[in-house]
Protein backbone atom coordinates (compact mmCIF):
# COMPACT_ATOMS: atom_id res chain seq x y z
CA MET A 1 56.00 92.50 41.65
CA ALA A 2 54.14 89.66 43.20
CA SER A 3 56.89 89.11 45.60
CA LYS A 4 56.34 92.60 46.92
CA LYS A 5 52.57 91.90 47.37
CA GLN A 6 53.01 88.82 49.51
CA VAL A 7 55.54 90.76 51.62
CA ASN A 8 53.18 93.41 52.12
CA LYS A 9 50.15 90.92 53.03
CA LYS A 10 52.42 89.29 55.72
CA LYS A 11 53.04 92.69 57.49
CA SER A 12 49.55 93.58 57.39
CA LYS A 13 48.71 90.10 58.92
CA THR A 14 51.52 90.69 61.40
CA SER A 15 50.12 94.15 61.96
CA LYS A 16 46.74 92.70 62.71
CA SER A 17 47.90 89.95 65.38
CA ASN A 18 50.11 92.60 67.34
CA PRO A 19 47.02 94.50 68.77
CA SER A 20 45.66 91.51 70.16
CA LYS A 21 48.52 91.00 72.22
CA VAL A 22 48.61 94.60 73.45
CA LYS A 23 45.21 93.98 74.65
CA THR A 24 46.00 90.98 76.53
CA LYS A 25 48.50 92.87 78.41
CA LYS A 26 46.27 95.56 79.36
CA ALA A 27 43.74 93.11 80.39
CA LEU A 28 46.26 91.51 82.70
CA SER A 29 47.78 94.58 84.15
CA LYS A 30 43.71 95.63 84.94
CA LYS A 31 43.26 92.29 86.77
CA VAL A 32 46.64 92.82 88.88
CA SER A 33 45.30 96.36 89.99
CA ALA A 34 41.90 95.08 90.78
CA LYS A 35 43.11 92.24 92.82
CA LYS A 36 45.96 94.71 94.78
CA ALA A 37 42.92 97.35 95.43
CA PRO A 38 40.65 95.34 97.93
CA ALA A 39 44.09 94.10 99.68
CA LYS A 40 44.49 97.75 100.55
CA LYS A 41 41.39 98.73 101.72
CA ALA A 42 40.88 95.73 104.17
CA PRO A 43 42.77 96.92 107.42
CA ALA A 44 40.93 100.40 106.92
CA LYS A 45 37.23 98.43 107.57
CA LYS A 46 38.63 96.62 110.58
CA LYS A 47 38.95 99.44 112.79
CA PRO A 48 35.62 101.18 112.66
CA ILE A 49 33.94 97.73 113.27
CA LYS A 50 35.89 97.43 116.80
CA LYS A 51 35.10 100.63 117.74
CA ALA A 52 31.50 99.97 117.40
CA SER A 53 31.72 97.06 119.51
CA THR A 54 33.24 98.44 122.47
CA LYS A 55 30.43 101.38 122.38
CA LYS A 56 27.79 98.61 122.29
CA ASP A 57 29.36 96.74 125.21
CA VAL A 58 29.70 100.07 127.24
CA SER A 59 25.92 100.67 126.61
CA LYS A 60 25.02 97.17 127.74
CA LYS A 61 27.21 97.59 131.05
CA VAL A 62 25.50 101.00 131.75
CA VAL A 63 22.25 99.18 131.44
CA THR A 64 22.89 96.17 133.90
CA LYS A 65 24.12 98.74 136.36
CA LYS A 66 20.99 100.74 136.25
CA THR A 67 18.97 97.52 136.38
CA LEU A 68 21.22 96.23 139.49
CA SER A 69 20.72 99.56 140.95
CA LYS A 70 16.89 99.21 140.76
CA LYS A 71 16.87 95.69 142.19
CA ILE A 72 19.03 97.13 145.30
CA SER A 73 16.23 99.91 145.84
CA THR A 74 13.53 97.55 145.73
CA ARG A 75 14.99 95.39 148.13
CA LYS A 76 15.56 98.00 150.69
CA LEU A 77 11.90 99.31 150.35
CA SER A 78 10.56 95.88 150.95
CA PRO A 79 11.59 95.00 154.57
CA LYS A 80 11.99 91.21 155.64
CA LYS A 81 9.38 90.09 158.01
CA ILE A 82 11.39 88.34 160.82
CA LYS A 83 9.68 86.36 163.77
CA LEU A 84 9.54 88.28 166.94
CA GLN A 85 11.17 86.75 169.93
CA PHE A 86 8.95 88.32 172.54
CA SER A 87 5.36 89.61 172.54
CA VAL A 88 3.31 92.22 174.31
CA GLY A 89 2.79 91.52 178.18
CA ASP A 90 6.17 89.49 178.39
CA PHE A 91 8.35 90.05 181.34
CA ILE A 92 12.26 90.29 179.83
CA VAL A 93 15.38 90.64 181.67
CA TYR A 94 17.64 93.36 180.26
CA PRO A 95 21.23 92.63 181.45
CA SER A 96 22.23 96.12 182.58
CA HIS A 97 18.52 97.04 184.05
CA GLY A 98 17.29 93.84 185.20
CA VAL A 99 13.22 93.02 184.79
CA GLY A 100 11.16 94.78 182.33
CA GLU A 101 7.82 94.57 180.75
CA ILE A 102 7.11 94.86 177.18
CA THR A 103 4.06 97.31 177.05
CA ASP A 104 3.94 97.88 172.94
CA ILE A 105 5.89 96.94 169.81
CA GLN A 106 6.03 100.15 167.54
CA THR A 107 7.21 100.52 163.97
CA PHE A 108 9.19 103.61 162.71
CA GLU A 109 10.25 104.66 159.45
CA ILE A 110 13.93 105.66 159.26
CA ALA A 111 15.40 106.35 155.90
CA LYS A 112 12.87 104.57 154.05
CA GLU A 113 13.25 101.45 156.20
CA LYS A 114 10.63 100.08 158.66
CA LEU A 115 11.97 99.32 162.16
CA GLU A 116 10.26 97.33 164.69
CA MET A 117 10.95 98.31 168.36
CA TYR A 118 9.91 97.03 171.70
CA ASN A 119 8.48 99.46 174.13
CA VAL A 120 10.05 98.26 177.55
CA ILE A 121 9.06 99.57 180.75
CA PHE A 122 10.93 99.15 184.20
CA ASP A 123 8.85 100.04 187.18
CA LYS A 124 11.59 100.09 189.87
CA GLU A 125 13.85 102.35 188.00
CA LYS A 126 10.70 104.48 186.21
CA MET A 127 12.46 103.98 182.89
CA THR A 128 11.42 103.40 179.41
CA LEU A 129 13.59 101.83 176.80
CA LYS A 130 12.82 101.37 173.14
CA ILE A 131 14.59 98.34 171.98
CA PRO A 132 15.17 97.40 168.31
CA THR A 133 13.51 93.58 167.69
CA ILE A 134 16.34 92.79 165.48
CA LYS A 135 19.24 93.62 168.13
CA ALA A 136 17.38 92.05 171.02
CA LYS A 137 19.22 88.68 171.05
CA GLU A 138 22.59 90.66 170.33
CA ILE A 139 22.00 92.83 173.53
CA GLY A 140 21.17 89.49 175.44
CA ILE A 141 17.71 90.09 176.43
CA ARG A 142 16.16 87.11 177.71
CA LYS A 143 12.61 85.94 178.91
CA VAL A 144 11.98 85.70 182.74
CA SER A 145 13.09 82.06 184.06
CA SER A 146 10.47 79.56 184.78
CA ARG A 147 9.77 78.27 188.17
CA ASN A 148 11.65 75.21 188.01
CA GLU A 149 14.67 77.34 186.97
CA MET A 150 14.14 79.49 189.91
CA LYS A 151 13.99 76.77 192.44
CA LYS A 152 17.46 75.58 191.21
CA THR A 153 18.97 78.87 191.51
CA LEU A 154 17.80 79.52 194.86
CA GLU A 155 19.51 76.44 195.89
CA ILE A 156 22.86 78.17 195.34
CA LEU A 157 21.82 80.74 198.22
CA LYS A 158 22.33 77.51 200.56
CA GLY A 159 25.81 77.13 199.58
CA LYS A 160 29.06 78.49 201.48
CA ALA A 161 30.14 81.89 200.06
CA LYS A 162 33.38 81.86 197.97
CA ILE A 163 35.26 85.13 198.76
CA ARG A 164 38.58 85.43 196.84
CA ARG A 165 41.57 86.94 198.70
CA THR A 166 42.04 90.02 196.29
CA MET A 167 41.81 93.75 196.50
CA TRP A 168 38.23 94.80 197.09
CA SER A 169 38.35 97.34 194.23
CA ARG A 170 39.03 94.20 191.80
CA ARG A 171 36.47 92.21 193.41
CA ALA A 172 34.12 94.76 193.14
CA GLN A 173 34.45 94.90 189.33
CA GLU A 174 33.99 91.40 189.18
CA TYR A 175 30.50 91.74 190.85
CA GLU A 176 29.63 94.24 189.02
CA ALA A 177 30.15 92.25 185.62
CA LYS A 178 28.01 89.63 187.00
CA ILE A 179 25.31 91.75 188.14
CA ASN A 180 24.77 93.26 184.53
CA SER A 181 25.58 89.92 182.72
CA GLY A 182 21.98 89.16 182.84
CA ILE A 183 22.69 85.57 183.76
CA LEU A 184 20.37 84.43 186.84
CA THR A 185 23.12 81.79 188.36
CA GLU A 186 26.00 84.50 188.56
CA LEU A 187 23.49 87.26 190.03
CA THR A 188 22.73 84.83 192.88
CA GLU A 189 26.19 84.08 193.49
CA VAL A 190 27.02 87.58 194.19
CA VAL A 191 24.11 87.72 196.62
CA ARG A 192 25.30 84.79 198.42
CA ASP A 193 29.02 85.70 198.70
CA LEU A 194 28.21 89.41 199.95
CA PHE A 195 25.57 88.52 202.15
CA ARG A 196 26.48 89.28 206.05
CA ASN A 197 24.06 87.91 208.98
CA SER A 198 24.09 89.70 212.31
CA ASN A 199 26.96 87.40 213.83
CA GLN A 200 29.31 87.94 211.14
CA PRO A 201 31.29 91.35 210.76
CA GLU A 202 29.62 94.31 209.20
CA GLN A 203 30.00 95.15 205.57
CA SER A 204 31.55 98.19 204.05
CA TYR A 205 29.31 100.98 202.48
CA SER A 206 30.73 99.95 199.06
CA GLU A 207 30.01 96.27 199.81
CA ARG A 208 26.38 97.03 201.35
CA GLN A 209 25.32 98.93 198.09
CA LEU A 210 26.53 96.08 195.64
CA TYR A 211 24.77 93.54 197.73
CA GLU A 212 21.47 95.66 197.88
CA SER A 213 21.74 96.12 193.92
CA ALA A 214 22.15 92.31 193.40
CA ARG A 215 19.54 91.33 195.81
CA ASP A 216 16.86 93.66 194.57
CA ARG A 217 17.39 92.66 191.03
CA LEU A 218 16.96 88.88 191.88
CA ALA A 219 14.11 89.82 194.12
CA ARG A 220 12.42 91.52 191.23
CA GLU A 221 12.95 88.31 189.03
CA VAL A 222 11.53 86.01 192.08
CA ALA A 223 8.37 88.42 192.41
CA VAL A 224 7.59 88.16 188.60
CA VAL A 225 8.16 84.36 188.60
CA GLU A 226 6.31 83.47 191.88
CA ARG A 227 3.70 86.43 191.32
CA ILE A 228 4.45 87.98 194.93
CA ASP A 229 5.58 91.56 195.79
CA ASP A 230 8.97 92.97 195.79
CA ASP A 231 9.36 93.01 199.55
CA ASN A 232 8.06 89.48 199.80
CA ALA A 233 10.54 88.33 197.61
CA VAL A 234 13.46 89.94 199.37
CA GLU A 235 12.31 88.61 202.42
CA LYS A 236 12.16 85.11 201.09
CA ILE A 237 15.57 85.39 199.82
CA GLU A 238 17.16 86.95 203.08
CA ILE A 239 15.31 83.96 205.11
CA ILE A 240 17.11 81.55 203.14
CA LEU A 241 20.42 83.10 203.51
CA ASN A 242 20.18 83.54 207.09
CA ASP A 243 19.31 79.91 207.51
CA ALA A 244 22.19 78.95 205.28
CA THR A 245 24.95 81.11 207.29
CA ARG A 246 23.44 79.62 210.56
CA LYS A 247 23.88 76.22 209.40
CA SER A 248 27.42 76.68 208.50
CA SER A 249 28.38 78.53 211.59
CA SER A 250 27.02 75.78 213.84
CA GLU A 251 29.13 73.38 211.67
CA ASN A 252 32.26 75.39 211.92
CA SER A 253 31.90 75.42 215.78
CA ILE A 254 31.45 71.66 215.96
CA ILE A 255 34.61 70.90 214.11
C-alpha cells in the first residue's frame, strides 16, 4: 500500500510540473505573433507619408509661382528712369527726314506702362513726329554737328567729284541711301558728286531732284549750326561748289 501511495504522489508532481511547460509554450507563441504583427503593418504606413509630402511640395510650388507673378507685376508698374539723350529746344537730325527741333517731352501710359516721347517738329516738311525716347539711339537720331565738324565737312565740297561708271538706277539707289543715312559726310559727298556748274553738261530730271534734296538737307543743318537762313546756307554751299569746279576745270585745261 505504501508503494502505491508513492506512485500516486509522483504522478501528482508530474501533473503539476506539466502545466508550467504548457504556459511557457503559449507565452512563446504569443511573443512570436507579437513580433510578426508590426512587420506586416510597416509597409502600409510608408505609403500615406509619401503622398502627404508630395502634396506639400505642390502647394509650396504654387505659392512660389504666385509670389513670382506678383514680383513681375510690380516690376512692370514701376518704370526705370533712363537718362534722356536730348532735351527740349535741341536740334536733332532724323536720318530719313533731316533736321528737326524737340519742342516737348511727353509721357503716355500704354498697357499700364509709362512711355516717354520726344515731340519733334520739322519746319520745312511741315511735319510733327513723336519718337519714343528709348528708341532714339536705335533709329539713328543724332545731335546737330558742331561748328568745327561743319567746317571739316564743307571741305569735302572742294574735292573732285567721284562718279562711278555704272547704271544710273543703281547709282540713284546708292545716293538715296547716303542721303537717308543721317551721316553728314556721306550727305556732303552726294552734293559734291551731283553738282553741275554752267560749263558742265546739264543734269537729267532725276539727277536734279536728288541733288536738290541732298543740298537742301545739308543747307538746313548749315543754317542751324551757323544761325543763318536756309537761303543763305544754300548760297554758301553753291559758292564753294562753283569755286571748286572752276579750279578743277582750269587745272585740266593747263594739263
